[in-house]
Amino acid sequence: MQTQRVILFGALALVLVMIWQSWMEFEQRHTRGVGESLATSEGGLSVGENSDSDTMDDVPNAPTTTQASNEGGLEVENVPDEVSTDGQIISVSTDLINARIDTRGGDLIRVELKKHPVSVDAPDQPFVLMHRDPGGLFVAQNGLIGNGRDYPNHNVEFATDTLQYVMGDENSLEVILNWTAPDNVVYQKVFTFTRNSYRIEVDFKVDNRSATQWDGYAYGQLRQTEIQQEGSMGFLGRLPSFNGAAIYTKEEKYDKIDYETMQESNLNVTTPSGWVAMLQHYFVASWLPGGSDSYQFYTGVTNKLNPEYRVGYKTTQPVTIAAGSQGEVKTSVFVGPKEQARLEKQGAEGLTLTVDYGFLTPVSDPLFWLLTHIHDFVKNWGWSIVLLTVLVKAIFYPLSAASYKSMAKMKRLQPRLQTLKERYSDDKQKFQQEMMKLYKTEKVNPAGGCLPILVQIPVFMALYWVLLESVELRQASFMLWLNDLSLPDPYFVLPVIMGASMLAQHFLNPSPVDPIQKKIMLAMPIVFTVFFLWFPAGLVLYWVVNNILSIAQQYYITKKYQ
């Protein structure tokens, strides 16, 4: 097989890999139920059908004593309720976020990210991650549940001393909500916001002034209407990032649950540890439960005509507080960007997997690590990509040099190959035999020139996912008009330069003997230029720099062996 044909196949393989990945995601959305990905086992996994009721509540019932000892899992039951909007609104401002808390239930109903504006054109307009608007819903709810008494779930009306909190010079800020139950048990729901952190501690302090022992369970959940995918890649469709729920358990590790799957069945998982989350492009909200060694993770859908999806957890072992004593139930929620350095510091195993690089994670992770360390030095993501490209090119220099040497020898043989083609124009089999004989005599490997392309394909795809999924590169500027490397070049300058560099490489390569192959190879720069018009500018920048380095290296070696 001639070098040009192999290179062509390598280029087409890139497109096929992208199509294959999109198809696999489509198949998973339409054929995989939670029951298939999380099989029932002794570890405590079970799945129940959704109720047909459109008025299902998202307050889980407390387990009975029998249920709490059931290792096979717990059924999630609900009572009628709607998201309340008649409480007072508490505003909180820290160095990183603006938050809103409803005194009805103590729900976290709005989170604005100050360091992540909506766009580079609106730097003073923070991105709204959580909200409770007429057109959509994304809130965090939590509370306590139990049997035989009233508990502070997300329906009770808390009292507060003030409705506005602003973080000053202090490193943390507490928002305290109070509620006294009819049985004289006094509760405090305390939100603790910490400087330079998107993690919010949400603790319940219980003062059991009743005459009986207090037993209670904690729960936390995220409730959301469907988030429509944002961003476009032209005729290639929407960005392939994931929107929906995710859980992490000790037994099954990381698992994503899309909206369609949540509509088909309720998730019911018992696990000793883990977390639950709602994901969207660049951002995540996740309950990080603690203080127990047995949890039930669940999903549900409220109002199927205008679905509100929820994913949550509840403890399955009670906290016990004797009469006349005090106790505390702790949990926390992370609401913010999927910055990997921050996610690693949360102490939640697997939380960094919310930055989803897909099957190329083993390649993407080292690339991102290397890219961030380069950025620590140059302080510019564009130049970081340039230096990363140079470094990758240097690592593969011996392989590339051998390949370009093979291509140079192939180009030198072109006149003799053309003579063979004319001599055996009526006998293709004889032509192939003589051509292979010539390769053997001259010690030329016709497939040697394809190796640079084959090596670049996984690196290219891995970097594609790094640029697509890493919020660190969101709105990262380079120079001149390139003020957001995660978006396509607005003036298509980089794609055109890339196409020109591919065309230059074409003329450095040995020309195919087959005229059809020659036309196809000549068309490839045009085809890829069209594809790259909608690719992230950072990715095109990588490809442009890589092509320029390849041209310089190939030109030098070709001249050397002419």
Protein backbone atom coordinates (compact mmCIF):
# COMPACT_ATOMS: atom_id res chain seq x y z
CA MET A 1 0.00 0.00 0.00
CA GLN A 2 1.38 3.41 -0.91
CA THR A 3 2.21 5.97 1.73
CA GLN A 4 -0.38 8.45 0.48
CA ARG A 5 -3.16 5.93 0.75
CA VAL A 6 -2.21 5.10 4.34
CA ILE A 7 -2.08 8.79 5.25
CA LEU A 8 -5.52 9.23 3.70
CA PHE A 9 -6.85 6.34 5.73
CA GLY A 10 -5.33 7.84 8.86
CA ALA A 11 -7.01 11.20 8.22
CA LEU A 12 -10.34 9.54 7.54
CA ALA A 13 -9.93 7.50 10.72
CA LEU A 14 -9.98 10.76 12.67
CA VAL A 15 -13.40 11.61 11.31
CA LEU A 16 -14.63 8.05 11.82
CA VAL A 17 -13.53 8.08 15.46
CA MET A 18 -15.58 11.23 16.05
CA ILE A 19 -18.61 9.76 14.30
CA TRP A 20 -18.22 6.50 16.23
CA GLN A 21 -18.07 8.32 19.56
CA SER A 22 -21.19 10.34 18.75
CA TRP A 23 -22.97 7.14 17.74
CA MET A 24 -21.98 5.38 20.97
CA GLU A 25 -23.35 8.29 23.00
CA PHE A 26 -26.57 8.15 20.98
CA GLU A 27 -26.89 4.40 21.56
CA GLN A 28 -26.29 4.79 25.30
CA ARG A 29 -28.98 7.43 25.56
CA HIS A 30 -31.55 5.30 23.76
CA THR A 31 -30.76 1.75 24.82
CA ARG A 32 -29.12 1.84 28.23
CA GLY A 33 -31.25 1.99 31.35
CA VAL A 34 -29.87 2.42 34.80
CA GLY A 35 -30.74 -1.18 35.51
CA GLU A 36 -28.31 -2.27 32.81
CA SER A 37 -25.42 -0.18 34.08
CA LEU A 38 -26.04 -0.78 37.78
CA ALA A 39 -27.07 -4.40 38.17
CA THR A 40 -28.82 -5.47 41.36
CA SER A 41 -26.34 -7.14 43.67
CA GLU A 42 -25.66 -7.97 47.28
CA GLY A 43 -23.86 -4.63 47.46
CA GLY A 44 -27.26 -2.94 47.50
CA LEU A 45 -28.38 -1.90 43.99
CA SER A 46 -31.99 -1.91 42.93
CA VAL A 47 -34.16 -0.03 40.46
CA GLY A 48 -37.84 0.77 40.65
CA GLU A 49 -40.28 2.04 38.03
CA ASN A 50 -41.35 5.67 38.07
CA SER A 51 -44.74 6.48 39.38
CA ASP A 52 -47.22 7.80 36.83
CA SER A 53 -48.22 10.57 39.19
CA ASP A 54 -47.33 14.08 38.15
CA THR A 55 -47.46 15.36 41.73
CA MET A 56 -44.69 13.24 43.23
CA ASP A 57 -42.77 15.05 45.95
CA ASP A 58 -39.04 15.00 46.26
CA VAL A 59 -38.95 14.68 50.06
CA PRO A 60 -37.83 11.10 50.73
CA ASN A 61 -39.55 9.21 53.52
CA ALA A 62 -37.37 8.16 56.42
CA PRO A 63 -36.56 4.44 56.48
CA THR A 64 -38.26 2.32 59.10
CA THR A 65 -36.16 0.19 61.42
CA THR A 66 -36.71 -2.79 59.10
CA GLN A 67 -35.75 -0.80 56.04
CA ALA A 68 -32.62 0.59 57.67
CA SER A 69 -31.28 -2.89 58.21
CA ASN A 70 -32.13 -4.02 54.70
CA GLU A 71 -28.84 -4.48 52.82
CA GLY A 72 -30.66 -4.90 49.56
CA GLY A 73 -31.56 -1.24 49.28
CA LEU A 74 -34.46 1.08 50.12
CA GLU A 75 -37.42 2.17 48.09
CA VAL A 76 -37.71 5.93 47.65
CA GLU A 77 -41.24 7.07 48.45
CA ASN A 78 -42.56 10.59 48.21
CA VAL A 79 -45.49 12.75 49.34
CA PRO A 80 -47.19 15.56 47.38
CA ASP A 81 -45.38 18.90 47.30
CA GLU A 82 -44.27 21.72 45.03
CA VAL A 83 -41.23 23.98 45.11
CA SER A 84 -42.28 26.76 47.47
CA THR A 85 -41.66 30.41 46.62
CA ASP A 86 -43.32 32.19 49.56
CA GLY A 87 -40.29 32.37 51.90
CA GLN A 88 -37.96 35.29 52.47
CA ILE A 89 -34.81 35.47 50.32
CA ILE A 90 -31.40 35.70 51.96
CA SER A 91 -28.59 37.12 49.82
CA VAL A 92 -24.98 36.07 50.37
CA SER A 93 -21.92 37.57 48.69
CA THR A 94 -18.44 36.05 48.94
CA ASP A 95 -15.25 36.56 46.97
CA LEU A 96 -16.32 33.87 44.44
CA ILE A 97 -20.11 33.67 44.41
CA ASN A 98 -23.38 35.49 44.90
CA ALA A 99 -25.91 33.12 46.49
CA ARG A 100 -29.58 33.20 47.39
CA ILE A 101 -31.20 31.09 50.12
CA ASP A 102 -34.95 30.73 50.61
CA THR A 103 -36.06 30.68 54.24
CA ARG A 104 -38.78 28.24 53.19
CA GLY A 105 -36.83 25.01 53.51
CA GLY A 106 -33.43 26.67 53.50
CA ASP A 107 -33.05 25.86 49.79
CA LEU A 108 -30.05 27.14 47.86
CA ILE A 109 -31.97 28.71 44.98
CA ARG A 110 -29.38 30.81 43.13
CA VAL A 111 -25.62 30.75 42.66
CA GLU A 112 -23.77 33.24 40.46
CA LEU A 113 -20.09 32.62 39.71
CA LYS A 114 -18.22 35.92 39.89
CA LYS A 115 -14.97 34.63 38.36
CA HIS A 116 -16.74 33.06 35.38
CA PRO A 117 -18.63 35.65 33.35
CA VAL A 118 -21.24 34.71 30.79
CA SER A 119 -18.90 35.69 27.97
CA VAL A 120 -15.75 37.67 27.30
CA ASP A 121 -17.99 40.44 25.94
CA ALA A 122 -19.83 40.70 29.29
CA PRO A 123 -17.06 40.44 31.93
CA ASP A 124 -19.23 41.97 34.67
CA GLN A 125 -22.13 39.56 34.18
CA PRO A 126 -21.50 36.42 36.25
CA PHE A 127 -22.54 33.01 35.00
CA VAL A 128 -25.71 31.83 36.76
CA LEU A 129 -25.27 28.16 37.66
CA MET A 130 -28.21 27.62 40.03
CA HIS A 131 -31.49 29.48 39.71
CA ARG A 132 -35.22 29.41 40.30
CA ASP A 133 -36.69 31.26 37.35
CA PRO A 134 -40.00 30.95 35.48
CA GLY A 135 -38.16 29.39 32.54
CA GLY A 136 -36.08 26.89 34.50
CA LEU A 137 -35.10 25.43 37.83
CA PHE A 138 -31.85 24.28 39.41
CA VAL A 139 -31.79 24.25 43.22
CA ALA A 140 -30.09 22.38 46.05
CA GLN A 141 -32.31 21.07 48.84
CA ASN A 142 -31.53 19.20 52.04
CA GLY A 143 -32.95 18.49 55.44
CA LEU A 144 -33.63 15.94 58.16
CA ILE A 145 -36.27 13.23 58.13
CA GLY A 146 -37.46 10.64 60.61
CA ASN A 147 -40.46 8.89 62.13
CA GLY A 148 -42.91 9.91 64.85
CA ARG A 149 -42.19 13.66 64.98
CA ASP A 150 -41.77 16.77 62.82
CA TYR A 151 -38.40 17.30 61.16
CA PRO A 152 -36.85 20.27 59.30
CA ASN A 153 -37.17 19.15 55.67
CA HIS A 154 -37.20 21.62 52.80
CA ASN A 155 -40.85 22.55 53.42
CA VAL A 156 -40.51 24.16 56.85
CA GLU A 157 -40.27 27.93 57.31
CA PHE A 158 -37.00 28.90 58.98
CA ALA A 159 -36.38 32.18 60.79
CA THR A 160 -33.31 34.37 60.36
CA ASP A 161 -31.91 37.48 61.96
CA THR A 162 -30.84 39.16 58.73
CA LEU A 163 -31.47 38.83 55.00
CA GLN A 164 -28.10 40.05 53.72
CA TYR A 165 -24.62 38.69 54.29
CA VAL A 166 -21.40 40.02 52.76
CA MET A 167 -17.98 38.47 53.28
CA GLY A 168 -15.50 41.07 54.42
CA ASP A 169 -11.99 40.35 55.61
CA GLU A 170 -12.97 37.15 57.38
CA ASN A 171 -12.12 33.75 55.90
CA SER A 172 -15.58 32.29 56.45
CA LEU A 173 -19.16 33.44 56.67
CA GLU A 174 -22.03 31.73 58.49
CA VAL A 175 -25.71 32.00 57.64
CA ILE A 176 -27.87 30.66 60.46
CA LEU A 177 -31.50 29.59 60.08
CA ASN A 178 -33.65 28.62 63.07
CA TRP A 179 -36.71 26.42 63.50
CA THR A 180 -38.42 24.98 66.57
CA ALA A 181 -40.52 21.86 66.13
CA PRO A 182 -43.86 21.34 67.94
CA ASP A 183 -42.18 18.79 70.23
CA ASN A 184 -39.79 21.50 71.47
CA VAL A 185 -36.73 20.25 69.54
CA VAL A 186 -34.72 23.29 68.41
CA TYR A 187 -32.89 23.17 65.07
CA GLN A 188 -30.29 25.42 63.50
CA LYS A 189 -29.44 25.06 59.81
CA VAL A 190 -26.02 26.61 59.31
CA PHE A 191 -24.52 27.47 55.89
CA THR A 192 -20.77 28.10 56.05
CA PHE A 193 -19.19 29.86 53.08
CA THR A 194 -15.38 29.85 52.91
CA ARG A 195 -13.08 32.28 51.16
CA ASN A 196 -11.70 31.07 47.82
CA SER A 197 -13.96 28.02 47.85
CA TYR A 198 -17.05 26.81 46.00
CA ARG A 199 -17.77 24.28 48.74
CA ILE A 200 -20.58 25.18 51.14
CA GLU A 201 -20.90 23.36 54.44
CA VAL A 202 -24.54 22.80 55.42
CA ASP A 203 -24.86 21.58 59.01
CA PHE A 204 -27.86 20.89 61.24
CA LYS A 205 -27.45 21.53 64.97
CA VAL A 206 -30.08 19.72 66.99
CA ASP A 207 -30.98 20.66 70.57
CA ASN A 208 -33.24 17.86 71.81
CA ARG A 209 -35.32 19.58 74.51
CA SER A 210 -38.00 16.92 74.26
CA ALA A 211 -38.51 14.12 76.78
CA THR A 212 -37.64 11.34 74.34
CA GLN A 213 -34.65 10.20 72.31
CA TRP A 214 -34.27 11.87 68.92
CA ASP A 215 -33.57 9.72 65.84
CA GLY A 216 -33.07 11.33 62.46
CA TYR A 217 -31.73 10.81 58.94
CA ALA A 218 -30.13 13.35 56.63
CA TYR A 219 -30.86 13.86 52.96
CA GLY A 220 -29.70 16.18 50.20
CA GLN A 221 -30.80 16.49 46.59
CA LEU A 222 -30.42 18.55 43.45
CA ARG A 223 -33.56 19.45 41.54
CA GLN A 224 -33.38 20.66 37.96
CA THR A 225 -35.33 21.16 34.77
CA GLU A 226 -33.57 19.92 31.65
CA ILE A 227 -30.62 22.02 30.53
CA GLN A 228 -30.42 22.36 26.77
CA GLN A 229 -27.03 21.80 25.23
CA GLU A 230 -25.27 25.03 24.37
CA GLY A 231 -22.65 25.66 21.75
CA SER A 232 -22.45 24.55 18.15
CA MET A 233 -19.88 23.01 15.84
CA GLY A 234 -21.65 24.04 12.65
CA PHE A 235 -22.90 21.15 10.52
CA LEU A 236 -21.13 18.77 12.95
CA GLY A 237 -23.92 19.47 15.45
CA ARG A 238 -23.92 20.43 19.11
CA LEU A 239 -20.98 20.13 21.44
CA PRO A 240 -20.84 16.54 22.71
CA SER A 241 -20.61 17.45 26.41
CA PHE A 242 -22.95 15.78 28.91
CA ASN A 243 -25.90 17.33 30.74
CA GLY A 244 -27.65 15.32 33.44
CA ALA A 245 -27.04 13.48 36.70
CA ALA A 246 -24.05 11.50 37.88
CA ILE A 247 -23.27 9.37 40.91
CA TYR A 248 -20.13 7.82 42.31
CA THR A 249 -20.28 4.72 44.49
CA LYS A 250 -17.60 2.55 46.01
CA GLU A 251 -18.90 -0.48 44.12
CA GLU A 252 -19.71 0.83 40.64
CA LYS A 253 -17.49 3.93 40.57
CA TYR A 254 -18.53 6.75 38.21
CA ASP A 255 -21.81 6.55 36.32
CA LYS A 256 -23.70 9.17 34.31
CA ILE A 257 -27.51 9.16 34.16
CA ASP A 258 -29.13 11.21 31.42
CA TYR A 259 -32.58 12.79 31.53
CA GLU A 260 -34.21 10.10 29.42
CA THR A 261 -32.98 7.35 31.73
CA MET A 262 -34.31 9.22 34.77
CA GLN A 263 -37.71 9.40 33.08
CA GLU A 264 -37.69 5.66 32.38
CA SER A 265 -36.89 4.46 35.91
CA ASN A 266 -35.96 5.56 39.41
CA LEU A 267 -32.45 4.85 40.62
CA ASN A 268 -32.14 3.23 44.05
CA VAL A 269 -28.59 2.48 45.19
CA THR A 270 -27.30 1.65 48.67
CA THR A 271 -23.60 2.35 49.15
CA PRO A 272 -21.15 3.02 52.00
CA SER A 273 -19.71 6.13 50.35
CA GLY A 274 -19.83 8.35 47.28
CA TRP A 275 -21.55 11.46 45.99
CA VAL A 276 -24.37 12.64 43.71
CA ALA A 277 -24.21 15.46 41.17
CA MET A 278 -25.84 17.35 38.35
CA LEU A 279 -23.46 18.07 35.45
CA GLN A 280 -23.37 20.53 32.61
CA HIS A 281 -20.68 21.86 30.32
CA TYR A 282 -17.85 23.23 32.49
CA PHE A 283 -19.86 23.26 35.75
CA VAL A 284 -21.07 20.87 38.45
CA ALA A 285 -23.21 20.86 41.59
CA SER A 286 -22.60 17.92 43.91
CA TRP A 287 -23.74 16.85 47.35
CA LEU A 288 -20.78 15.39 49.25
CA PRO A 289 -22.36 13.48 52.14
CA GLY A 290 -20.39 12.49 55.20
CA GLY A 291 -20.74 11.25 58.75
CA SER A 292 -22.27 7.88 57.90
CA ASP A 293 -21.22 4.59 56.34
CA SER A 294 -24.51 3.81 54.59
CA TYR A 295 -26.31 5.95 52.05
CA GLN A 296 -29.11 5.55 49.56
CA PHE A 297 -28.70 7.35 46.23
CA TYR A 298 -31.86 7.96 44.23
CA THR A 299 -33.27 9.76 41.22
CA GLY A 300 -36.81 10.80 40.37
CA VAL A 301 -38.92 12.94 38.08
CA THR A 302 -41.65 15.36 39.16
CA ASN A 303 -44.35 16.42 36.69
CA LYS A 304 -43.62 14.50 33.51
CA LEU A 305 -45.42 17.06 31.33
CA ASN A 306 -42.83 19.66 32.35
CA PRO A 307 -40.21 17.41 33.95
CA GLU A 308 -38.18 18.38 36.99
CA TYR A 309 -35.37 15.90 37.55
CA ARG A 310 -33.73 15.16 40.87
CA VAL A 311 -30.79 13.18 42.13
CA GLY A 312 -30.12 12.84 45.83
CA TYR A 313 -28.97 10.84 48.80
CA LYS A 314 -30.25 9.96 52.25
CA THR A 315 -28.55 8.26 55.15
CA THR A 316 -29.88 4.82 56.07
CA GLN A 317 -28.49 4.72 59.61
CA PRO A 318 -30.02 7.15 62.14
CA VAL A 319 -28.26 9.81 64.16
CA THR A 320 -29.34 9.40 67.80
CA ILE A 321 -29.50 12.23 70.35
CA ALA A 322 -30.62 11.56 73.90
CA ALA A 323 -33.27 13.69 75.55
CA GLY A 324 -31.77 16.91 76.89
CA SER A 325 -28.66 16.58 74.70
CA GLN A 326 -27.34 18.27 71.59
CA GLY A 327 -25.98 16.83 68.37
CA GLU A 328 -24.94 17.78 64.85
CA VAL A 329 -25.51 16.41 61.35
CA LYS A 330 -23.00 17.57 58.74
CA THR A 331 -22.95 17.60 54.96
CA SER A 332 -21.61 19.84 52.18
CA VAL A 333 -22.36 20.83 48.62
CA PHE A 334 -19.91 21.86 45.90
CA VAL A 335 -21.37 24.34 43.42
CA GLY A 336 -19.00 25.74 40.84
CA PRO A 337 -16.70 25.22 37.88
CA LYS A 338 -15.07 21.86 37.17
CA GLU A 339 -11.60 23.17 37.94
CA GLN A 340 -9.55 20.05 38.47
CA ALA A 341 -7.29 21.48 41.15
CA ARG A 342 -10.33 22.43 43.24
CA LEU A 343 -12.12 19.14 42.64
CA GLU A 344 -9.08 17.19 43.86
CA LYS A 345 -9.10 19.13 47.14
CA GLN A 346 -12.69 18.19 48.02
CA GLY A 347 -11.71 14.81 49.45
CA ALA A 348 -14.38 13.09 47.37
CA GLU A 349 -13.03 10.12 45.43
CA GLY A 350 -13.78 10.28 41.72
CA LEU A 351 -15.06 13.87 41.70
CA THR A 352 -12.47 14.82 39.07
CA LEU A 353 -14.18 12.35 36.71
CA THR A 354 -16.90 14.95 36.21
CA VAL A 355 -14.34 16.47 33.82
CA ASP A 356 -15.22 13.84 31.25
CA TYR A 357 -12.53 13.11 28.66
CA GLY A 358 -14.22 9.86 27.62
CA PHE A 359 -12.21 6.84 26.54
CA LEU A 360 -9.14 9.01 25.89
CA THR A 361 -8.77 9.97 29.57
CA PRO A 362 -5.40 8.11 29.87
CA VAL A 363 -4.01 10.43 27.18
CA SER A 364 -5.99 13.57 28.05
CA ASP A 365 -5.06 13.62 31.74
CA PRO A 366 -1.27 13.77 31.15
CA LEU A 367 -1.77 16.37 28.41
CA PHE A 368 -3.83 18.56 30.74
CA TRP A 369 -1.30 18.11 33.54
CA LEU A 370 1.52 19.13 31.22
CA LEU A 371 -0.50 22.02 29.80
CA THR A 372 -1.27 23.44 33.26
CA HIS A 373 2.37 23.24 34.34
CA ILE A 374 3.45 25.08 31.21
CA HIS A 375 0.73 27.67 31.91
CA ASP A 376 2.10 28.18 35.42
CA PHE A 377 5.28 29.37 33.73
CA VAL A 378 4.06 31.39 30.71
CA LYS A 379 0.68 32.59 32.13
CA ASN A 380 -1.02 32.38 28.74
CA TRP A 381 -3.06 29.39 27.56
CA GLY A 382 -2.39 30.09 23.88
CA TRP A 383 1.38 30.08 24.32
CA SER A 384 0.96 27.05 26.58
CA ILE A 385 -0.64 25.19 23.68
CA VAL A 386 2.18 26.31 21.37
CA LEU A 387 4.87 25.09 23.78
CA LEU A 388 2.96 21.86 24.42
CA THR A 389 2.93 21.24 20.67
CA VAL A 390 6.66 21.87 20.44
CA LEU A 391 7.28 19.51 23.35
CA VAL A 392 5.10 16.74 21.88
CA LYS A 393 6.81 17.21 18.53
CA ALA A 394 10.22 16.94 20.20
CA ILE A 395 9.22 13.73 21.99
CA PHE A 396 8.19 12.11 18.72
CA TYR A 397 11.04 13.62 16.70
CA PRO A 398 12.91 10.31 16.12
CA LEU A 399 9.75 8.66 14.84
CA SER A 400 8.88 11.63 12.65
CA ALA A 401 12.41 11.85 11.28
CA ALA A 402 12.33 8.20 10.24
CA SER A 403 8.94 8.69 8.61
CA TYR A 404 9.94 11.80 6.70
CA LYS A 405 13.13 10.03 5.58
CA SER A 406 10.94 7.26 4.16
CA MET A 407 8.73 9.83 2.42
CA ALA A 408 11.80 11.59 0.96
CA LYS A 409 13.00 8.32 -0.50
CA MET A 410 9.52 7.66 -1.87
CA LYS A 411 9.50 11.05 -3.55
CA ARG A 412 12.89 10.28 -5.16
CA LEU A 413 11.43 7.07 -6.60
CA GLN A 414 8.44 8.80 -8.21
CA PRO A 415 9.93 9.01 -11.77
CA ARG A 416 10.79 5.28 -11.71
CA LEU A 417 7.33 4.43 -10.39
CA GLN A 418 5.77 6.46 -13.17
CA THR A 419 7.88 4.56 -15.72
CA LEU A 420 6.69 1.24 -14.26
CA LYS A 421 3.09 2.40 -14.42
CA GLU A 422 3.41 3.30 -18.10
CA ARG A 423 5.25 0.06 -18.89
CA TYR A 424 2.64 -2.16 -17.19
CA SER A 425 -0.44 -0.04 -17.79
CA ASP A 426 -2.37 -3.11 -18.97
CA ASP A 427 -1.21 -5.43 -16.20
CA LYS A 428 -1.94 -4.04 -12.75
CA GLN A 429 -0.82 -7.18 -10.97
CA LYS A 430 2.58 -7.07 -12.69
CA PHE A 431 2.84 -3.36 -11.87
CA GLN A 432 2.23 -4.08 -8.18
CA GLN A 433 4.84 -6.82 -8.17
CA GLU A 434 7.47 -4.65 -9.83
CA MET A 435 6.66 -1.73 -7.54
CA MET A 436 7.12 -3.86 -4.42
CA LYS A 437 10.32 -5.24 -5.86
CA LEU A 438 11.59 -1.69 -6.35
CA TYR A 439 10.70 -0.80 -2.76
CA LYS A 440 12.60 -3.84 -1.53
CA THR A 441 15.65 -3.09 -3.65
CA GLU A 442 15.80 0.54 -2.50
CA LYS A 443 14.96 -0.42 1.11
CA VAL A 444 11.92 1.84 1.25
CA ASN A 445 8.94 1.19 3.51
CA PRO A 446 5.87 2.53 1.66
CA ALA A 447 3.90 2.70 4.93
CA GLY A 448 6.63 4.52 6.85
CA GLY A 449 5.34 7.97 6.04
CA CYS A 450 1.99 7.40 7.73
CA LEU A 451 3.42 7.08 11.25
CA PRO A 452 3.37 10.82 12.12
CA ILE A 453 -0.34 10.99 11.25
CA LEU A 454 -1.15 7.81 13.18
CA VAL A 455 0.72 9.09 16.23
CA GLN A 456 -0.99 12.47 16.09
CA ILE A 457 -4.55 11.11 15.91
CA PRO A 458 -4.86 10.04 19.61
CA VAL A 459 -3.00 13.17 20.74
CA PHE A 460 -5.25 15.33 18.58
CA MET A 461 -8.42 13.68 19.90
CA ALA A 462 -7.20 13.83 23.51
CA LEU A 463 -6.37 17.53 23.20
CA TYR A 464 -9.77 18.07 21.58
CA TRP A 465 -11.44 16.76 24.76
CA VAL A 466 -9.08 18.75 26.98
CA LEU A 467 -10.02 21.98 25.20
CA LEU A 468 -13.70 21.05 25.14
CA GLU A 469 -14.10 19.95 28.77
CA SER A 470 -11.54 21.95 30.77
CA VAL A 471 -13.15 25.04 32.27
CA GLU A 472 -9.64 26.42 32.84
CA LEU A 473 -9.50 27.14 29.10
CA ARG A 474 -12.99 28.67 28.96
CA GLN A 475 -12.66 32.29 27.81
CA ALA A 476 -8.86 31.94 27.81
CA SER A 477 -7.31 34.54 25.52
CA PHE A 478 -4.22 34.21 23.32
CA MET A 479 -3.44 37.33 21.34
CA LEU A 480 -5.04 39.85 18.99
CA TRP A 481 -8.57 38.71 18.06
CA LEU A 482 -8.32 35.30 19.79
CA ASN A 483 -9.93 36.10 23.15
CA ASP A 484 -11.54 32.69 23.79
CA LEU A 485 -9.62 29.57 22.80
CA SER A 486 -12.57 27.33 23.67
CA LEU A 487 -14.63 28.86 20.85
CA PRO A 488 -14.07 28.80 17.06
CA ASP A 489 -11.90 31.49 15.52
CA PRO A 490 -14.46 34.25 14.80
CA TYR A 491 -12.65 35.32 11.62
CA PHE A 492 -11.58 31.80 10.49
CA VAL A 493 -7.95 32.93 10.22
CA LEU A 494 -6.46 29.91 11.99
CA PRO A 495 -8.47 27.34 9.96
CA VAL A 496 -7.35 29.00 6.72
CA ILE A 497 -3.71 28.99 7.86
CA MET A 498 -4.10 25.35 8.84
CA GLY A 499 -5.51 24.52 5.40
CA ALA A 500 -2.62 26.33 3.73
CA SER A 501 -0.11 24.42 5.87
CA MET A 502 -1.75 21.12 4.92
CA LEU A 503 -1.53 22.11 1.27
CA ALA A 504 2.18 22.89 1.69
CA GLN A 505 2.69 19.47 3.24
CA HIS A 506 0.87 17.90 0.31
CA PHE A 507 3.43 19.29 -2.14
CA LEU A 508 6.30 18.08 0.04
CA ASN A 509 4.92 14.54 0.02
CA PRO A 510 5.51 12.13 -2.84
CA SER A 511 2.79 12.49 -5.43
CA PRO A 512 0.49 9.43 -5.76
CA VAL A 513 0.80 7.48 -8.97
CA ASP A 514 -2.94 6.91 -9.08
CA PRO A 515 -4.64 10.08 -10.45
CA ILE A 516 -7.76 9.49 -8.33
CA GLN A 517 -5.67 9.27 -5.17
CA LYS A 518 -3.86 12.41 -6.25
CA LYS A 519 -7.15 14.34 -6.52
CA ILE A 520 -8.35 13.04 -3.16
CA MET A 521 -5.12 14.00 -1.43
CA LEU A 522 -5.31 17.47 -2.98
CA ALA A 523 -8.87 17.87 -1.70
CA MET A 524 -8.01 16.86 1.87
CA PRO A 525 -6.72 20.33 2.93
CA ILE A 526 -9.99 21.85 1.76
CA VAL A 527 -12.09 19.22 3.54
CA PHE A 528 -10.22 19.63 6.82
CA THR A 529 -10.32 23.42 6.58
CA VAL A 530 -14.12 23.24 6.41
CA PHE A 531 -14.21 20.86 9.39
CA PHE A 532 -11.92 23.06 11.46
CA LEU A 533 -13.98 26.21 10.92
CA TRP A 534 -16.11 25.20 13.92
CA PHE A 535 -13.43 23.57 16.07
CA PRO A 536 -12.13 25.35 19.20
CA ALA A 537 -9.48 27.88 18.27
CA GLY A 538 -7.07 26.29 20.74
CA LEU A 539 -7.28 22.99 18.92
CA VAL A 540 -6.72 24.61 15.53
CA LEU A 541 -3.78 26.50 17.03
CA TYR A 542 -2.24 23.18 18.06
CA TRP A 543 -2.70 21.77 14.56
CA VAL A 544 -1.27 24.89 12.87
CA VAL A 545 1.87 24.87 15.03
CA ASN A 546 2.25 21.13 14.55
CA ASN A 547 1.95 21.50 10.76
CA ILE A 548 4.49 24.33 10.64
CA LEU A 549 6.99 22.27 12.64
CA SER A 550 6.31 19.26 10.43
CA ILE A 551 6.85 21.30 7.27
CA ALA A 552 10.21 22.59 8.54
CA GLN A 553 11.33 19.11 9.55
CA GLN A 554 10.08 17.49 6.35
CA TYR A 555 11.63 20.17 4.13
CA TYR A 556 15.02 19.70 5.78
CA ILE A 557 14.96 15.91 5.48
CA THR A 558 13.64 15.97 1.90
CA LYS A 559 16.48 18.29 0.82
CA LYS A 560 18.96 16.06 2.61
CA TYR A 561 17.93 12.91 0.73
CA GLN A 562 17.31 14.37 -2.70
